[in-house]
Structures are given as structure tokens and as C-alpha cells.
Amino acid sequence: DISGRPFLAWSVAFPRDKVGEMDTELFEEFFRGLVINAGLTCH
């Protein structure tokens, strides 16, 4: 929802800590940074 009210609900679990050299926990950090700064409500 392009609501102007930033909120990320992230319900994603990864079976391992990395994909290639990238930590899987960083995917949530990416989406949180995007969602908050764009003003999206995102699940």
C-alpha cells in the first residue's frame, strides 16, 4: 500500500545464513530501508 505510512511486516525465514557471500539477514534490512524511505506499507 503506497500509504505514506511506513511499515514493513517481514515473515521470511531462510534455511541458511548466506547466499553466496551475502548474509540472508540483510534482505530484511534492504526492504526495511526501502519501505521506510518510500513511505510504503508492505507485507
Full PDB file with SEQRES, HELIX, SHEET, SSBOND, CRYST1, ORIGX, SCALE, CONECT and MASTER records, all heavy atoms in Angstrom:
SEQRES   1 A   43  ASP ILE SER GLY ARG PRO PHE LEU ALA TRP SER VAL ALA          
SEQRES   2 A   43  PHE PRO ARG ASP LYS VAL GLY GLU MET ASP THR GLU LEU          
SEQRES   3 A   43  PHE GLU GLU PHE PHE ARG GLY LEU VAL ILE ASN ALA GLY          
SEQRES   4 A   43  LEU THR CYS HIS                                              
HELIX    1 AA1 LEU A   26  ALA A   38  1                                  13    
SHEET    1 AA1 2 PHE A   7  LEU A   8  0                                        
SHEET    2 AA1 2 THR A  41  CYS A  42  1                                        
SHEET    1 AA2 2 LYS A  18  VAL A  19  0                                        
SHEET    2 AA2 2 MET A  22  ASP A  23 -1                                        
CRYST1    1.000    1.000    1.000  90.00  90.00  90.00 P 1           1          
ORIGX1      1.000000  0.000000  0.000000        0.00000                         
ORIGX2      0.000000  1.000000  0.000000        0.00000                         
ORIGX3      0.000000  0.000000  1.000000        0.00000                         
SCALE1      1.000000  0.000000  0.000000        0.00000                         
SCALE2      0.000000  1.000000  0.000000        0.00000                         
SCALE3      0.000000  0.000000  1.000000        0.00000                         
ATOM      1  N   ASP A   1       0.872  -1.173   0.000  1.00  0.00           N  
ATOM      2  CA  ASP A   1       0.000   0.000   0.000  1.00  0.00           C  
ATOM      3  C   ASP A   1       0.911   1.225   0.000  1.00  0.00           C  
ATOM      4  O   ASP A   1       1.709   1.410   0.921  1.00  0.00           O  
ATOM      5  CB  ASP A   1      -0.903   0.001   1.235  1.00  0.00           C  
ATOM      6  CG  ASP A   1      -1.775   1.254   1.356  1.00  0.00           C  
ATOM      7  OD1 ASP A   1      -1.831   2.041   0.388  1.00  0.00           O  
ATOM      8  OD2 ASP A   1      -2.401   1.424   2.427  1.00  0.00           O  
ATOM      9  N   ILE A   2       0.811   2.051  -1.040  1.00  0.00           N  
ATOM     10  CA  ILE A   2       1.581   3.297  -1.080  1.00  0.00           C  
ATOM     11  C   ILE A   2       0.814   4.308  -0.237  1.00  0.00           C  
ATOM     12  O   ILE A   2       0.113   5.180  -0.728  1.00  0.00           O  
ATOM     13  CB  ILE A   2       1.789   3.779  -2.536  1.00  0.00           C  
ATOM     14  CG1 ILE A   2       2.473   2.681  -3.356  1.00  0.00           C  
ATOM     15  CG2 ILE A   2       2.638   5.055  -2.560  1.00  0.00           C  
ATOM     16  CD1 ILE A   2       2.638   3.014  -4.819  1.00  0.00           C  
ATOM     17  N   SER A   3       0.946   4.142   1.057  1.00  0.00           N  
ATOM     18  CA  SER A   3       0.076   4.795   2.030  1.00  0.00           C  
ATOM     19  C   SER A   3       0.655   6.071   2.615  1.00  0.00           C  
ATOM     20  O   SER A   3      -0.070   6.882   3.187  1.00  0.00           O  
ATOM     21  CB  SER A   3      -0.193   3.824   3.190  1.00  0.00           C  
ATOM     22  OG  SER A   3       1.039   3.483   3.810  1.00  0.00           O  
ATOM     23  N   GLY A   4       1.985   6.228   2.530  1.00  0.00           N  
ATOM     24  CA  GLY A   4       2.635   7.307   3.260  1.00  0.00           C  
ATOM     25  C   GLY A   4       2.890   6.951   4.709  1.00  0.00           C  
ATOM     26  O   GLY A   4       3.459   7.745   5.457  1.00  0.00           O  
ATOM     27  N   ARG A   5       2.488   5.740   5.106  1.00  0.00           N  
ATOM     28  CA  ARG A   5       2.699   5.269   6.486  1.00  0.00           C  
ATOM     29  C   ARG A   5       3.690   4.104   6.429  1.00  0.00           C  
ATOM     30  O   ARG A   5       3.296   2.976   6.118  1.00  0.00           O  
ATOM     31  CB  ARG A   5       1.371   4.833   7.118  1.00  0.00           C  
ATOM     32  CG  ARG A   5       0.360   5.947   7.236  1.00  0.00           C  
ATOM     33  CD  ARG A   5      -0.902   5.502   7.980  1.00  0.00           C  
ATOM     34  NE  ARG A   5      -1.534   4.360   7.338  1.00  0.00           N  
ATOM     35  CZ  ARG A   5      -2.386   4.462   6.302  1.00  0.00           C  
ATOM     36  NH1 ARG A   5      -2.663   5.652   5.789  1.00  0.00           N  
ATOM     37  NH2 ARG A   5      -2.942   3.385   5.778  1.00  0.00           N  
ATOM     38  N   PRO A   6       4.949   4.340   6.724  1.00  0.00           N  
ATOM     39  CA  PRO A   6       5.979   3.296   6.554  1.00  0.00           C  
ATOM     40  C   PRO A   6       5.802   2.155   7.545  1.00  0.00           C  
ATOM     41  O   PRO A   6       5.745   2.371   8.758  1.00  0.00           O  
ATOM     42  CB  PRO A   6       7.288   4.038   6.813  1.00  0.00           C  
ATOM     43  CG  PRO A   6       6.961   5.498   6.727  1.00  0.00           C  
ATOM     44  CD  PRO A   6       5.537   5.624   7.150  1.00  0.00           C  
ATOM     45  N   PHE A   7       5.726   0.941   7.007  1.00  0.00           N  
ATOM     46  CA  PHE A   7       5.636  -0.233   7.871  1.00  0.00           C  
ATOM     47  C   PHE A   7       6.049  -1.458   7.063  1.00  0.00           C  
ATOM     48  O   PHE A   7       5.529  -1.682   5.959  1.00  0.00           O  
ATOM     49  CB  PHE A   7       4.222  -0.431   8.415  1.00  0.00           C  
ATOM     50  CG  PHE A   7       4.104  -1.603   9.357  1.00  0.00           C  
ATOM     51  CD1 PHE A   7       4.448  -1.454  10.686  1.00  0.00           C  
ATOM     52  CD2 PHE A   7       3.670  -2.838   8.905  1.00  0.00           C  
ATOM     53  CE1 PHE A   7       4.362  -2.535  11.563  1.00  0.00           C  
ATOM     54  CE2 PHE A   7       3.571  -3.915   9.770  1.00  0.00           C  
ATOM     55  CZ  PHE A   7       3.918  -3.764  11.097  1.00  0.00           C  
ATOM     56  N   LEU A   8       6.974  -2.241   7.589  1.00  0.00           N  
ATOM     57  CA  LEU A   8       7.365  -3.498   6.963  1.00  0.00           C  
ATOM     58  C   LEU A   8       7.033  -4.646   7.901  1.00  0.00           C  
ATOM     59  O   LEU A   8       7.502  -4.684   9.041  1.00  0.00           O  
ATOM     60  CB  LEU A   8       8.861  -3.526   6.647  1.00  0.00           C  
ATOM     61  CG  LEU A   8       9.381  -4.865   6.104  1.00  0.00           C  
ATOM     62  CD1 LEU A   8       8.798  -5.172   4.731  1.00  0.00           C  
ATOM     63  CD2 LEU A   8      10.910  -4.875   6.058  1.00  0.00           C  
ATOM     64  N   ALA A   9       6.216  -5.584   7.421  1.00  0.00           N  
ATOM     65  CA  ALA A   9       5.990  -6.852   8.110  1.00  0.00           C  
ATOM     66  C   ALA A   9       6.740  -7.919   7.323  1.00  0.00           C  
ATOM     67  O   ALA A   9       6.394  -8.211   6.176  1.00  0.00           O  
ATOM     68  CB  ALA A   9       4.499  -7.168   8.166  1.00  0.00           C  
ATOM     69  N   TRP A  10       7.788  -8.456   7.907  1.00  0.00           N  
ATOM     70  CA  TRP A  10       8.689  -9.396   7.239  1.00  0.00           C  
ATOM     71  C   TRP A  10       8.566 -10.744   7.926  1.00  0.00           C  
ATOM     72  O   TRP A  10       8.981 -10.909   9.070  1.00  0.00           O  
ATOM     73  CB  TRP A  10      10.119  -8.868   7.314  1.00  0.00           C  
ATOM     74  CG  TRP A  10      11.189  -9.750   6.764  1.00  0.00           C  
ATOM     75  CD1 TRP A  10      12.000 -10.596   7.472  1.00  0.00           C  
ATOM     76  CD2 TRP A  10      11.607  -9.862   5.397  1.00  0.00           C  
ATOM     77  NE1 TRP A  10      12.890 -11.231   6.633  1.00  0.00           N  
ATOM     78  CE2 TRP A  10      12.670 -10.790   5.348  1.00  0.00           C  
ATOM     79  CE3 TRP A  10      11.189  -9.256   4.202  1.00  0.00           C  
ATOM     80  CZ2 TRP A  10      13.320 -11.135   4.170  1.00  0.00           C  
ATOM     81  CZ3 TRP A  10      11.829  -9.598   3.027  1.00  0.00           C  
ATOM     82  CH2 TRP A  10      12.880 -10.519   3.011  1.00  0.00           C  
ATOM     83  N   SER A  11       7.961 -11.697   7.248  1.00  0.00           N  
ATOM     84  CA  SER A  11       7.788 -13.039   7.807  1.00  0.00           C  
ATOM     85  C   SER A  11       8.454 -14.036   6.864  1.00  0.00           C  
ATOM     86  O   SER A  11       7.789 -14.796   6.146  1.00  0.00           O  
ATOM     87  CB  SER A  11       6.300 -13.361   7.976  1.00  0.00           C  
ATOM     88  OG  SER A  11       5.682 -12.434   8.835  1.00  0.00           O  
ATOM     89  N   VAL A  12       9.776 -13.973   6.836  1.00  0.00           N  
ATOM     90  CA  VAL A  12      10.579 -14.797   5.924  1.00  0.00           C  
ATOM     91  C   VAL A  12      11.728 -15.412   6.715  1.00  0.00           C  
ATOM     92  O   VAL A  12      12.503 -14.694   7.345  1.00  0.00           O  
ATOM     93  CB  VAL A  12      11.142 -13.961   4.752  1.00  0.00           C  
ATOM     94  CG1 VAL A  12      11.961 -14.853   3.818  1.00  0.00           C  
ATOM     95  CG2 VAL A  12      10.020 -13.252   3.991  1.00  0.00           C  
ATOM     96  N   ALA A  13      11.824 -16.727   6.678  1.00  0.00           N  
ATOM     97  CA  ALA A  13      12.917 -17.435   7.335  1.00  0.00           C  
ATOM     98  C   ALA A  13      13.759 -18.155   6.286  1.00  0.00           C  
ATOM     99  O   ALA A  13      13.210 -18.775   5.361  1.00  0.00           O  
ATOM    100  CB  ALA A  13      12.372 -18.441   8.343  1.00  0.00           C  
ATOM    101  N   PHE A  14      15.070 -18.033   6.406  1.00  0.00           N  
ATOM    102  CA  PHE A  14      15.986 -18.671   5.466  1.00  0.00           C  
ATOM    103  C   PHE A  14      16.606 -19.919   6.098  1.00  0.00           C  
ATOM    104  O   PHE A  14      16.917 -19.918   7.296  1.00  0.00           O  
ATOM    105  CB  PHE A  14      17.094 -17.702   5.062  1.00  0.00           C  
ATOM    106  CG  PHE A  14      16.647 -16.636   4.106  1.00  0.00           C  
ATOM    107  CD1 PHE A  14      16.122 -15.439   4.580  1.00  0.00           C  
ATOM    108  CD2 PHE A  14      16.753 -16.823   2.737  1.00  0.00           C  
ATOM    109  CE1 PHE A  14      15.700 -14.453   3.698  1.00  0.00           C  
ATOM    110  CE2 PHE A  14      16.345 -15.839   1.850  1.00  0.00           C  
ATOM    111  CZ  PHE A  14      15.821 -14.654   2.336  1.00  0.00           C  
ATOM    112  N   PRO A  15      16.833 -20.960   5.316  1.00  0.00           N  
ATOM    113  CA  PRO A  15      17.393 -22.199   5.864  1.00  0.00           C  
ATOM    114  C   PRO A  15      18.896 -22.137   6.109  1.00  0.00           C  
ATOM    115  O   PRO A  15      19.450 -23.048   6.729  1.00  0.00           O  
ATOM    116  CB  PRO A  15      17.062 -23.238   4.784  1.00  0.00           C  
ATOM    117  CG  PRO A  15      17.019 -22.440   3.514  1.00  0.00           C  
ATOM    118  CD  PRO A  15      16.449 -21.103   3.900  1.00  0.00           C  
ATOM    119  N   ARG A  16      19.553 -21.115   5.618  1.00  0.00           N  
ATOM    120  CA  ARG A  16      20.989 -20.958   5.876  1.00  0.00           C  
ATOM    121  C   ARG A  16      21.334 -19.483   5.989  1.00  0.00           C  
ATOM    122  O   ARG A  16      20.537 -18.614   5.619  1.00  0.00           O  
ATOM    123  CB  ARG A  16      21.839 -21.645   4.819  1.00  0.00           C  
ATOM    124  CG  ARG A  16      21.553 -21.301   3.383  1.00  0.00           C  
ATOM    125  CD  ARG A  16      22.243 -22.291   2.443  1.00  0.00           C  
ATOM    126  NE  ARG A  16      21.860 -22.173   1.060  1.00  0.00           N  
ATOM    127  CZ  ARG A  16      22.552 -21.535   0.134  1.00  0.00           C  
ATOM    128  NH1 ARG A  16      23.686 -20.918   0.464  1.00  0.00           N  
ATOM    129  NH2 ARG A  16      22.140 -21.488  -1.115  1.00  0.00           N  
ATOM    130  N   ASP A  17      22.518 -19.195   6.478  1.00  0.00           N  
ATOM    131  CA  ASP A  17      22.896 -17.831   6.825  1.00  0.00           C  
ATOM    132  C   ASP A  17      23.365 -17.002   5.636  1.00  0.00           C  
ATOM    133  O   ASP A  17      23.366 -15.773   5.708  1.00  0.00           O  
ATOM    134  CB  ASP A  17      24.009 -17.842   7.877  1.00  0.00           C  
ATOM    135  CG  ASP A  17      23.540 -18.392   9.215  1.00  0.00           C  
ATOM    136  OD1 ASP A  17      22.325 -18.346   9.472  1.00  0.00           O  
ATOM    137  OD2 ASP A  17      24.388 -18.881   9.982  1.00  0.00           O  
ATOM    138  N   LYS A  18      23.789 -17.665   4.563  1.00  0.00           N  
ATOM    139  CA  LYS A  18      24.334 -16.934   3.425  1.00  0.00           C  
ATOM    140  C   LYS A  18      23.807 -17.489   2.112  1.00  0.00           C  
ATOM    141  O   LYS A  18      23.505 -18.677   1.993  1.00  0.00           O  
ATOM    142  CB  LYS A  18      25.867 -17.017   3.413  1.00  0.00           C  
ATOM    143  CG  LYS A  18      26.562 -16.210   4.508  1.00  0.00           C  
ATOM    144  CD  LYS A  18      28.083 -16.320   4.372  1.00  0.00           C  
ATOM    145  CE  LYS A  18      28.801 -15.521   5.456  1.00  0.00           C  
ATOM    146  NZ  LYS A  18      28.657 -14.058   5.275  1.00  0.00           N  
ATOM    147  N   VAL A  19      23.712 -16.588   1.121  1.00  0.00           N  
ATOM    148  CA  VAL A  19      23.556 -16.977  -0.274  1.00  0.00           C  
ATOM    149  C   VAL A  19      24.770 -16.401  -0.984  1.00  0.00           C  
ATOM    150  O   VAL A  19      24.960 -15.180  -1.017  1.00  0.00           O  
ATOM    151  CB  VAL A  19      22.260 -16.435  -0.900  1.00  0.00           C  
ATOM    152  CG1 VAL A  19      22.161 -16.878  -2.353  1.00  0.00           C  
ATOM    153  CG2 VAL A  19      21.048 -16.919  -0.131  1.00  0.00           C  
ATOM    154  N   GLY A  20      25.601 -17.267  -1.518  1.00  0.00           N  
ATOM    155  CA  GLY A  20      26.890 -16.782  -1.988  1.00  0.00           C  
ATOM    156  C   GLY A  20      27.650 -16.211  -0.808  1.00  0.00           C  
ATOM    157  O   GLY A  20      27.796 -16.873   0.224  1.00  0.00           O  
ATOM    158  N   GLU A  21      28.091 -14.964  -0.930  1.00  0.00           N  
ATOM    159  CA  GLU A  21      28.793 -14.312   0.171  1.00  0.00           C  
ATOM    160  C   GLU A  21      27.881 -13.379   0.968  1.00  0.00           C  
ATOM    161  O   GLU A  21      28.333 -12.729   1.912  1.00  0.00           O  
ATOM    162  CB  GLU A  21      29.978 -13.506  -0.379  1.00  0.00           C  
ATOM    163  CG  GLU A  21      31.051 -14.360  -1.044  1.00  0.00           C  
ATOM    164  CD  GLU A  21      32.231 -13.532  -1.516  1.00  0.00           C  
ATOM    165  OE1 GLU A  21      32.092 -12.297  -1.589  1.00  0.00           O  
ATOM    166  OE2 GLU A  21      33.282 -14.118  -1.814  1.00  0.00           O  
ATOM    167  N   MET A  22      26.609 -13.321   0.606  1.00  0.00           N  
ATOM    168  CA  MET A  22      25.696 -12.348   1.220  1.00  0.00           C  
ATOM    169  C   MET A  22      24.934 -12.972   2.386  1.00  0.00           C  
ATOM    170  O   MET A  22      24.346 -14.053   2.264  1.00  0.00           O  
ATOM    171  CB  MET A  22      24.711 -11.830   0.171  1.00  0.00           C  
ATOM    172  CG  MET A  22      23.785 -10.750   0.690  1.00  0.00           C  
ATOM    173  SD  MET A  22      22.808 -10.009  -0.640  1.00  0.00           S  
ATOM    174  CE  MET A  22      21.762  -8.915   0.323  1.00  0.00           C  
ATOM    175  N   ASP A  23      24.923 -12.281   3.524  1.00  0.00           N  
ATOM    176  CA  ASP A  23      24.148 -12.724   4.681  1.00  0.00           C  
ATOM    177  C   ASP A  23      22.659 -12.601   4.386  1.00  0.00           C  
ATOM    178  O   ASP A  23      22.176 -11.530   3.967  1.00  0.00           O  
ATOM    179  CB  ASP A  23      24.486 -11.873   5.910  1.00  0.00           C  
ATOM    180  CG  ASP A  23      25.936 -12.011   6.333  1.00  0.00           C  
ATOM    181  OD1 ASP A  23      26.461 -13.129   6.252  1.00  0.00           O  
ATOM    182  OD2 ASP A  23      26.535 -10.992   6.724  1.00  0.00           O  
ATOM    183  N   THR A  24      21.912 -13.668   4.614  1.00  0.00           N  
ATOM    184  CA  THR A  24      20.484 -13.643   4.299  1.00  0.00           C  
ATOM    185  C   THR A  24      19.709 -12.672   5.195  1.00  0.00           C  
ATOM    186  O   THR A  24      18.651 -12.185   4.807  1.00  0.00           O  
ATOM    187  CB  THR A  24      19.884 -15.053   4.409  1.00  0.00           C  
ATOM    188  OG1 THR A  24      20.228 -15.628   5.680  1.00  0.00           O  
ATOM    189  CG2 THR A  24      20.407 -15.949   3.303  1.00  0.00           C  
ATOM    190  N   GLU A  25      20.224 -12.350   6.379  1.00  0.00           N  
ATOM    191  CA  GLU A  25      19.540 -11.388   7.247  1.00  0.00           C  
ATOM    192  C   GLU A  25      19.507  -9.988   6.632  1.00  0.00           C  
ATOM    193  O   GLU A  25      18.689  -9.145   7.026  1.00  0.00           O  
ATOM    194  CB  GLU A  25      20.206 -11.335   8.617  1.00  0.00           C  
ATOM    195  CG  GLU A  25      21.616 -10.755   8.617  1.00  0.00           C  
ATOM    196  CD  GLU A  25      22.256 -10.760   9.992  1.00  0.00           C  
ATOM    197  OE1 GLU A  25      21.694 -11.395  10.903  1.00  0.00           O  
ATOM    198  OE2 GLU A  25      23.304 -10.119  10.152  1.00  0.00           O  
ATOM    199  N   LEU A  26      20.363  -9.734   5.649  1.00  0.00           N  
ATOM    200  CA  LEU A  26      20.425  -8.399   5.040  1.00  0.00           C  
ATOM    201  C   LEU A  26      19.268  -8.125   4.093  1.00  0.00           C  
ATOM    202  O   LEU A  26      18.994  -6.959   3.768  1.00  0.00           O  
ATOM    203  CB  LEU A  26      21.748  -8.216   4.305  1.00  0.00           C  
ATOM    204  CG  LEU A  26      23.002  -8.237   5.178  1.00  0.00           C  
ATOM    205  CD1 LEU A  26      24.243  -7.979   4.335  1.00  0.00           C  
ATOM    206  CD2 LEU A  26      22.888  -7.196   6.297  1.00  0.00           C  
ATOM    207  N   PHE A  27      18.562  -9.163   3.649  1.00  0.00           N  
ATOM    208  CA  PHE A  27      17.412  -8.913   2.786  1.00  0.00           C  
ATOM    209  C   PHE A  27      16.340  -8.119   3.531  1.00  0.00           C  
ATOM    210  O   PHE A  27      15.744  -7.188   2.994  1.00  0.00           O  
ATOM    211  CB  PHE A  27      16.837 -10.228   2.258  1.00  0.00           C  
ATOM    212  CG  PHE A  27      17.796 -10.989   1.395  1.00  0.00           C  
ATOM    213  CD1 PHE A  27      18.204 -12.262   1.729  1.00  0.00           C  
ATOM    214  CD2 PHE A  27      18.317 -10.411   0.236  1.00  0.00           C  
ATOM    215  CE1 PHE A  27      19.101 -12.960   0.942  1.00  0.00           C  
ATOM    216  CE2 PHE A  27      19.219 -11.101  -0.558  1.00  0.00           C  
ATOM    217  CZ  PHE A  27      19.611 -12.373  -0.214  1.00  0.00           C  
ATOM    218  N   GLU A  28      16.113  -8.462   4.774  1.00  0.00           N  
ATOM    219  CA  GLU A  28      15.153  -7.703   5.580  1.00  0.00           C  
ATOM    220  C   GLU A  28      15.621  -6.263   5.752  1.00  0.00           C  
ATOM    221  O   GLU A  28      14.814  -5.320   5.679  1.00  0.00           O  
ATOM    222  CB  GLU A  28      14.954  -8.352   6.943  1.00  0.00           C  
ATOM    223  CG  GLU A  28      13.961  -7.615   7.828  1.00  0.00           C  
ATOM    224  CD  GLU A  28      13.722  -8.287   9.170  1.00  0.00           C  
ATOM    225  OE1 GLU A  28      14.375  -9.317   9.452  1.00  0.00           O  
ATOM    226  OE2 GLU A  28      12.888  -7.773   9.943  1.00  0.00           O  
ATOM    227  N   GLU A  29      16.922  -6.054   5.975  1.00  0.00           N  
ATOM    228  CA  GLU A  29      17.444  -4.698   6.140  1.00  0.00           C  
ATOM    229  C   GLU A  29      17.251  -3.878   4.867  1.00  0.00           C  
ATOM    230  O   GLU A  29      16.928  -2.685   4.925  1.00  0.00           O  
ATOM    231  CB  GLU A  29      18.922  -4.742   6.515  1.00  0.00           C  
ATOM    232  CG  GLU A  29      19.222  -5.449   7.824  1.00  0.00           C  
ATOM    233  CD  GLU A  29      18.447  -4.861   8.993  1.00  0.00           C  
ATOM    234  OE1 GLU A  29      18.321  -3.622   9.058  1.00  0.00           O  
ATOM    235  OE2 GLU A  29      17.967  -5.641   9.830  1.00  0.00           O  
ATOM    236  N   PHE A  30      17.453  -4.503   3.712  1.00  0.00           N  
ATOM    237  CA  PHE A  30      17.232  -3.804   2.450  1.00  0.00           C  
ATOM    238  C   PHE A  30      15.779  -3.366   2.318  1.00  0.00           C  
ATOM    239  O   PHE A  30      15.490  -2.188   2.025  1.00  0.00           O  
ATOM    240  CB  PHE A  30      17.602  -4.697   1.262  1.00  0.00           C  
ATOM    241  CG  PHE A  30      17.113  -4.162  -0.059  1.00  0.00           C  
ATOM    242  CD1 PHE A  30      17.757  -3.095  -0.669  1.00  0.00           C  
ATOM    243  CD2 PHE A  30      15.994  -4.704  -0.668  1.00  0.00           C  
ATOM    244  CE1 PHE A  30      17.288  -2.582  -1.886  1.00  0.00           C  
ATOM    245  CE2 PHE A  30      15.521  -4.203  -1.874  1.00  0.00           C  
ATOM    246  CZ  PHE A  30      16.184  -3.144  -2.476  1.00  0.00           C  
ATOM    247  N   PHE A  31      14.860  -4.289   2.503  1.00  0.00           N  
ATOM    248  CA  PHE A  31      13.448  -3.951   2.323  1.00  0.00           C  
ATOM    249  C   PHE A  31      12.980  -2.943   3.364  1.00  0.00           C  
ATOM    250  O   PHE A  31      12.168  -2.061   3.061  1.00  0.00           O  
ATOM    251  CB  PHE A  31      12.586  -5.217   2.346  1.00  0.00           C  
ATOM    252  CG  PHE A  31      12.598  -5.976   1.055  1.00  0.00           C  
ATOM    253  CD1 PHE A  31      13.226  -7.208   0.976  1.00  0.00           C  
ATOM    254  CD2 PHE A  31      12.010  -5.454  -0.085  1.00  0.00           C  
ATOM    255  CE1 PHE A  31      13.241  -7.912  -0.222  1.00  0.00           C  
ATOM    256  CE2 PHE A  31      12.033  -6.143  -1.290  1.00  0.00           C  
ATOM    257  CZ  PHE A  31      12.647  -7.376  -1.359  1.00  0.00           C  
ATOM    258  N   ARG A  32      13.490  -3.027   4.588  1.00  0.00           N  
ATOM    259  CA  ARG A  32      13.101  -2.045   5.601  1.00  0.00           C  
ATOM    260  C   ARG A  32      13.568  -0.645   5.201  1.00  0.00           C  
ATOM    261  O   ARG A  32      12.813   0.324   5.301  1.00  0.00           O  
ATOM    262  CB  ARG A  32      13.653  -2.422   6.976  1.00  0.00           C  
ATOM    263  CG  ARG A  32      13.287  -1.386   8.063  1.00  0.00           C  
ATOM    264  CD  ARG A  32      13.641  -1.854   9.454  1.00  0.00           C  
ATOM    265  NE  ARG A  32      12.728  -2.907   9.887  1.00  0.00           N  
ATOM    266  CZ  ARG A  32      13.056  -4.194  10.007  1.00  0.00           C  
ATOM    267  NH1 ARG A  32      14.287  -4.586   9.736  1.00  0.00           N  
ATOM    268  NH2 ARG A  32      12.178  -5.078  10.395  1.00  0.00           N  
ATOM    269  N   GLY A  33      14.820  -0.521   4.738  1.00  0.00           N  
ATOM    270  CA  GLY A  33      15.306   0.777   4.295  1.00  0.00           C  
ATOM    271  C   GLY A  33      14.479   1.332   3.147  1.00  0.00           C  
ATOM    272  O   GLY A  33      14.147   2.523   3.119  1.00  0.00           O  
ATOM    273  N   LEU A  34      14.128   0.480   2.191  1.00  0.00           N  
ATOM    274  CA  LEU A  34      13.331   0.917   1.042  1.00  0.00           C  
ATOM    275  C   LEU A  34      11.933   1.341   1.481  1.00  0.00           C  
ATOM    276  O   LEU A  34      11.462   2.433   1.129  1.00  0.00           O  
ATOM    277  CB  LEU A  34      13.263  -0.224   0.024  1.00  0.00           C  
ATOM    278  CG  LEU A  34      12.730   0.089  -1.383  1.00  0.00           C  
ATOM    279  CD1 LEU A  34      13.153  -1.011  -2.352  1.00  0.00           C  
ATOM    280  CD2 LEU A  34      11.226   0.249  -1.417  1.00  0.00           C  
ATOM    281  N   VAL A  35      11.265   0.486   2.227  1.00  0.00           N  
ATOM    282  CA  VAL A  35       9.873   0.726   2.617  1.00  0.00           C  
ATOM    283  C   VAL A  35       9.741   1.983   3.464  1.00  0.00           C  
ATOM    284  O   VAL A  35       8.855   2.821   3.231  1.00  0.00           O  
ATOM    285  CB  VAL A  35       9.333  -0.518   3.362  1.00  0.00           C  
ATOM    286  CG1 VAL A  35       8.060  -0.188   4.135  1.00  0.00           C  
ATOM    287  CG2 VAL A  35       9.095  -1.657   2.385  1.00  0.00           C  
ATOM    288  N   ILE A  36      10.612   2.161   4.439  1.00  0.00           N  
ATOM    289  CA  ILE A  36      10.515   3.323   5.324  1.00  0.00           C  
ATOM    290  C   ILE A  36      10.731   4.609   4.539  1.00  0.00           C  
ATOM    291  O   ILE A  36      10.002   5.597   4.719  1.00  0.00           O  
ATOM    292  CB  ILE A  36      11.527   3.198   6.478  1.00  0.00           C  
ATOM    293  CG1 ILE A  36      11.071   2.113   7.456  1.00  0.00           C  
ATOM    294  CG2 ILE A  36      11.696   4.536   7.210  1.00  0.00           C  
ATOM    295  CD1 ILE A  36      12.081   1.796   8.538  1.00  0.00           C  
ATOM    296  N   ASN A  37      11.702   4.624   3.647  1.00  0.00           N  
ATOM    297  CA  ASN A  37      12.022   5.854   2.931  1.00  0.00           C  
ATOM    298  C   ASN A  37      11.070   6.137   1.776  1.00  0.00           C  
ATOM    299  O   ASN A  37      10.925   7.292   1.368  1.00  0.00           O  
ATOM    300  CB  ASN A  37      13.471   5.800   2.449  1.00  0.00           C  
ATOM    301  CG  ASN A  37      14.438   6.033   3.576  1.00  0.00           C  
ATOM    302  OD1 ASN A  37      14.775   7.162   3.906  1.00  0.00           O  
ATOM    303  ND2 ASN A  37      14.878   4.952   4.215  1.00  0.00           N  
ATOM    304  N   ALA A  38      10.399   5.112   1.269  1.00  0.00           N  
ATOM    305  CA  ALA A  38       9.399   5.329   0.220  1.00  0.00           C  
ATOM    306  C   ALA A  38       8.028   5.647   0.805  1.00  0.00           C  
ATOM    307  O   ALA A  38       7.163   6.167   0.099  1.00  0.00           O  
ATOM    308  CB  ALA A  38       9.305   4.099  -0.675  1.00  0.00           C  
ATOM    309  N   GLY A  39       7.817   5.329   2.078  1.00  0.00           N  
ATOM    310  CA  GLY A  39       6.508   5.547   2.688  1.00  0.00           C  
ATOM    311  C   GLY A  39       5.502   4.482   2.302  1.00  0.00           C  
ATOM    312  O   GLY A  39       4.335   4.778   2.045  1.00  0.00           O  
ATOM    313  N   LEU A  40       5.938   3.229   2.294  1.00  0.00           N  
ATOM    314  CA  LEU A  40       5.063   2.121   1.932  1.00  0.00           C  
ATOM    315  C   LEU A  40       4.632   1.346   3.172  1.00  0.00           C  
ATOM    316  O   LEU A  40       5.385   1.241   4.139  1.00  0.00           O  
ATOM    317  CB  LEU A  40       5.784   1.129   1.007  1.00  0.00           C  
ATOM    318  CG  LEU A  40       6.494   1.656  -0.228  1.00  0.00           C  
ATOM    319  CD1 LEU A  40       7.134   0.504  -0.988  1.00  0.00           C  
ATOM    320  CD2 LEU A  40       5.539   2.431  -1.118  1.00  0.00           C  
ATOM    321  N   THR A  41       3.446   0.781   3.108  1.00  0.00           N  
ATOM    322  CA  THR A  41       3.077  -0.316   3.984  1.00  0.00           C  
ATOM    323  C   THR A  41       3.297  -1.581   3.175  1.00  0.00           C  
ATOM    324  O   THR A  41       2.768  -1.713   2.069  1.00  0.00           O  
ATOM    325  CB  THR A  41       1.607  -0.226   4.422  1.00  0.00           C  
ATOM    326  OG1 THR A  41       1.411   0.994   5.149  1.00  0.00           O  
ATOM    327  CG2 THR A  41       1.227  -1.403   5.300  1.00  0.00           C  
ATOM    328  N   CYS A  42       4.091  -2.508   3.696  1.00  0.00           N  
ATOM    329  CA  CYS A  42       4.485  -3.674   2.898  1.00  0.00           C  
ATOM    330  C   CYS A  42       4.539  -4.909   3.778  1.00  0.00           C  
ATOM    331  O   CYS A  42       5.162  -4.889   4.835  1.00  0.00           O  
ATOM    332  CB  CYS A  42       5.842  -3.420   2.240  1.00  0.00           C  
ATOM    333  SG  CYS A  42       6.482  -4.803   1.271  1.00  0.00           S  
ATOM    334  N   HIS A  43       3.880  -5.959   3.320  1.00  0.00           N  
ATOM    335  CA  HIS A  43       3.929  -7.260   3.977  1.00  0.00           C  
ATOM    336  C   HIS A  43       4.571  -8.255   3.022  1.00  0.00           C  
ATOM    337  O   HIS A  43       4.105  -8.421   1.889  1.00  0.00           O  
ATOM    338  CB  HIS A  43       2.527  -7.747   4.345  1.00  0.00           C  
ATOM    339  CG  HIS A  43       1.885  -6.972   5.450  1.00  0.00           C  
ATOM    340  ND1 HIS A  43       1.647  -7.508   6.693  1.00  0.00           N  
ATOM    341  CD2 HIS A  43       1.438  -5.687   5.496  1.00  0.00           C  
ATOM    342  CE1 HIS A  43       1.074  -6.595   7.463  1.00  0.00           C  
ATOM    343  NE2 HIS A  43       0.943  -5.484   6.758  1.00  0.00           N  
TER     344      HIS A  43                                                      
MASTER        0    0    0    1    4    0    0    6  343    1    0    4          
END                                                                             
